[in-house]
Amino acid sequence: MIIDLSGAKWFKSAHSGEADACVEVAWLEAGRVGVRDSKSPTGPALIFAPGQWDSFTA
């Protein structure tokens, strides 16, 4: 499955402050969640299904 991330609105935790080495998250269609390395915004991203994201963050 290919998911278009070009319009994703990426953000990092407010707890990250001005740090450059962070994980960014984007809320995607169908309840999916994207995760990427802020140092490599054009690099690969992990895509979690809703249940997977719940398990990951638990």
Protein backbone atom coordinates (compact mmCIF):
# COMPACT_ATOMS: atom_id res chain seq x y z
CA MET A 1 0.00 0.00 0.00
CA ILE A 2 1.31 3.43 -0.91
CA ILE A 3 0.19 6.38 1.19
CA ASP A 4 0.73 9.92 -0.09
CA LEU A 5 2.45 11.91 2.67
CA SER A 6 2.95 15.10 0.64
CA GLY A 7 0.08 16.90 2.39
CA ALA A 8 0.74 15.53 5.87
CA LYS A 9 1.02 18.07 8.69
CA TRP A 10 4.00 16.89 10.73
CA PHE A 11 4.55 17.97 14.32
CA LYS A 12 6.73 17.12 17.28
CA SER A 13 5.97 17.08 20.97
CA ALA A 14 5.95 20.39 22.81
CA HIS A 15 8.34 18.65 25.23
CA SER A 16 10.95 18.59 22.45
CA GLY A 17 11.45 22.35 22.64
CA GLU A 18 13.86 23.55 19.99
CA ALA A 19 15.70 20.23 19.73
CA ASP A 20 16.61 19.13 16.20
CA ALA A 21 16.80 15.39 16.81
CA CYS A 22 13.14 14.50 17.32
CA VAL A 23 10.47 12.16 16.14
CA GLU A 24 7.66 13.84 14.21
CA VAL A 25 4.09 12.55 13.96
CA ALA A 26 1.32 13.20 11.44
CA TRP A 27 -2.36 12.24 11.72
CA LEU A 28 -3.26 10.58 8.41
CA GLU A 29 -6.44 9.44 6.68
CA ALA A 30 -8.35 6.40 7.92
CA GLY A 31 -6.96 6.86 11.44
CA ARG A 32 -3.41 6.04 10.43
CA VAL A 33 -0.43 7.75 12.06
CA GLY A 34 2.86 8.59 10.37
CA VAL A 35 6.15 8.79 12.26
CA ARG A 36 9.44 10.12 10.88
CA ASP A 37 12.86 11.40 11.93
CA SER A 38 12.89 15.22 12.03
CA LYS A 39 16.50 15.23 10.79
CA SER A 40 15.40 13.48 7.58
CA PRO A 41 12.01 14.91 6.57
CA THR A 42 12.23 13.49 3.05
CA GLY A 43 13.38 10.10 4.29
CA PRO A 44 11.21 7.09 5.10
CA ALA A 45 8.28 7.19 7.50
CA LEU A 46 6.63 4.47 9.53
CA ILE A 47 2.86 4.20 9.09
CA PHE A 48 0.81 2.77 11.95
CA ALA A 49 -2.77 1.53 11.70
CA PRO A 50 -5.01 2.83 14.54
CA GLY A 51 -4.70 -0.30 16.70
CA GLN A 52 -0.95 -0.49 16.11
CA TRP A 53 -0.50 3.13 17.20
CA ASP A 54 -2.50 2.49 20.37
CA SER A 55 -0.28 -0.49 21.19
CA PHE A 56 2.91 1.41 20.37
CA THR A 57 2.05 4.37 22.59
CA ALA A 58 0.81 2.17 25.44
